Protein backbone atom coordinates (compact mmCIF):
# COMPACT_ATOMS: atom_id res chain seq x y z
CA GLN A 1 -72.93 -15.95 -20.46
CA VAL A 2 -69.26 -15.58 -19.67
CA GLN A 3 -67.12 -12.67 -20.87
CA LEU A 4 -63.36 -13.14 -20.93
CA VAL A 5 -60.65 -10.53 -21.05
CA GLU A 6 -56.95 -11.49 -21.32
CA SER A 7 -54.00 -9.36 -20.20
CA GLY A 8 -50.32 -9.69 -19.49
CA GLY A 9 -49.00 -10.15 -22.96
CA GLY A 10 -45.92 -8.28 -24.27
CA LEU A 11 -42.43 -8.49 -25.67
CA VAL A 12 -39.88 -10.58 -23.79
CA GLN A 13 -36.48 -12.05 -24.62
CA ALA A 14 -35.96 -15.67 -25.03
CA GLY A 15 -35.55 -17.38 -21.69
CA GLY A 16 -37.76 -14.84 -19.97
CA SER A 17 -41.18 -15.17 -18.31
CA LEU A 18 -44.64 -13.76 -18.61
CA ARG A 19 -47.85 -14.30 -16.72
CA LEU A 20 -51.10 -14.03 -18.64
CA SER A 21 -54.37 -13.37 -16.85
CA CYS A 22 -57.95 -14.08 -17.97
CA ALA A 23 -60.59 -12.14 -16.09
CA ALA A 24 -64.05 -13.50 -16.35
CA SER A 25 -67.40 -11.84 -15.76
CA GLY A 26 -70.44 -13.64 -14.53
CA ARG A 27 -71.29 -15.62 -11.43
CA THR A 28 -70.71 -19.00 -13.01
CA PHE A 29 -66.96 -18.76 -13.62
CA SER A 30 -66.28 -21.43 -11.05
CA SER A 31 -68.45 -23.93 -12.95
CA TYR A 32 -66.36 -23.71 -16.11
CA ALA A 33 -63.18 -25.37 -17.15
CA MET A 34 -60.74 -22.88 -18.59
CA GLY A 35 -58.35 -23.26 -21.51
CA TRP A 36 -55.51 -21.37 -23.09
CA PHE A 37 -54.87 -21.47 -26.80
CA ARG A 38 -52.49 -19.69 -29.19
CA GLN A 39 -52.39 -18.78 -32.79
CA ALA A 40 -49.28 -17.72 -34.66
CA PRO A 41 -49.49 -15.93 -38.07
CA GLY A 42 -50.38 -18.42 -40.86
CA LYS A 43 -50.98 -21.20 -38.43
CA GLU A 44 -54.10 -22.84 -36.87
CA ARG A 45 -55.14 -22.15 -33.32
CA GLU A 46 -53.50 -24.69 -31.06
CA PHE A 47 -54.13 -25.91 -27.56
CA VAL A 48 -51.76 -24.80 -24.83
CA ALA A 49 -53.24 -25.72 -21.46
CA ALA A 50 -56.50 -26.33 -19.66
CA ILE A 51 -57.71 -26.56 -16.05
CA SER A 52 -60.85 -28.03 -14.52
CA TRP A 53 -63.42 -25.93 -12.62
CA SER A 54 -61.91 -26.97 -9.28
CA GLY A 55 -58.26 -26.69 -10.42
CA GLY A 56 -57.78 -30.37 -9.60
CA ARG A 57 -57.10 -31.42 -13.17
CA THR A 58 -54.80 -29.86 -15.71
CA ALA A 59 -53.64 -30.67 -19.18
CA TYR A 60 -50.77 -29.29 -21.25
CA ALA A 61 -49.54 -29.41 -24.82
CA ASP A 62 -46.29 -31.35 -25.05
CA SER A 63 -44.56 -28.24 -26.39
CA VAL A 64 -45.13 -26.31 -23.13
CA LYS A 65 -44.91 -29.07 -20.44
CA GLY A 66 -42.49 -28.15 -17.76
CA ARG A 67 -42.37 -24.48 -18.83
CA PHE A 68 -46.00 -23.26 -18.57
CA THR A 69 -48.33 -23.56 -15.59
CA ILE A 70 -52.04 -22.97 -15.67
CA SER A 71 -53.93 -21.97 -12.53
CA ARG A 72 -57.12 -20.29 -11.41
CA ASP A 73 -58.52 -18.28 -8.53
CA ASN A 74 -62.27 -18.70 -8.49
CA ALA A 75 -62.65 -16.08 -5.77
CA LYS A 76 -61.20 -13.58 -8.24
CA ASN A 77 -62.86 -15.02 -11.33
CA THR A 78 -59.43 -15.21 -13.00
CA ALA A 79 -57.39 -17.85 -14.69
CA TYR A 80 -53.67 -17.55 -15.24
CA LEU A 81 -50.93 -18.89 -17.53
CA GLN A 82 -47.42 -18.61 -16.09
CA MET A 83 -44.94 -18.98 -18.95
CA ASN A 84 -41.30 -19.52 -18.14
CA SER A 85 -38.26 -20.25 -20.34
CA LEU A 86 -40.00 -18.69 -23.26
CA LYS A 87 -38.85 -19.47 -26.74
CA PRO A 88 -39.24 -17.56 -30.05
CA GLU A 89 -41.65 -20.23 -31.20
CA ASP A 90 -43.94 -19.30 -28.38
CA THR A 91 -44.72 -16.10 -30.19
CA ALA A 92 -48.45 -15.91 -30.93
CA VAL A 93 -51.74 -14.36 -29.90
CA TYR A 94 -52.86 -16.13 -26.75
CA TYR A 95 -56.56 -16.69 -26.05
CA CYS A 96 -58.38 -17.92 -23.02
CA ALA A 97 -61.62 -19.85 -23.38
CA ALA A 98 -64.30 -21.43 -21.15
CA ASP A 99 -66.06 -24.69 -21.46
CA ARG A 100 -67.96 -27.13 -19.25
CA THR A 101 -65.26 -29.76 -19.36
CA VAL A 102 -61.49 -29.93 -19.77
CA THR A 103 -60.83 -30.43 -23.46
CA THR A 104 -57.98 -29.73 -25.89
CA ASN A 105 -60.40 -29.19 -28.81
CA PRO A 106 -61.03 -25.48 -29.49
CA ILE A 107 -64.30 -26.20 -31.25
CA GLU A 108 -65.80 -27.34 -27.96
CA TYR A 109 -65.18 -24.15 -26.08
CA ASP A 110 -68.19 -21.94 -25.71
CA TYR A 111 -66.64 -18.55 -24.78
CA TRP A 112 -63.46 -16.81 -25.95
CA GLY A 113 -61.50 -13.70 -25.03
CA GLN A 114 -60.14 -11.25 -27.60
CA GLY A 115 -56.55 -12.46 -27.25
CA THR A 116 -53.30 -10.91 -26.08
CA GLN A 117 -50.06 -10.81 -28.11
CA VAL A 118 -46.96 -12.48 -26.81
CA THR A 119 -43.71 -11.89 -28.69
CA VAL A 120 -40.49 -13.63 -27.76
CA SER A 121 -37.34 -12.25 -29.28
CA SER A 122 -34.23 -14.35 -29.88
């Protein structure tokens, strides 16, 4: 079992930055790939970024490439999403999730956090 808790969301102006954190409980955090997803009102949950258990492999949605960076610190059982050059269309609830492999498909993730709201004003 892995429990995930996101933090770091908030209100920011366009062009600003935020760093989301995902704190995991359990001794097996380092064996899981981690993903970030987001869901805007009236839209489906969409993939944002993912990172392998070692941090050696990452994947990004085209819409965030070059602006967002996913990372992890296995010693702290925490994954991060650094978000720069934020745009109003980045506004959504952001969720972190854990799975055995790096995947962009939310159905394949076993564990989910409760989400944190990110609002980008124009």
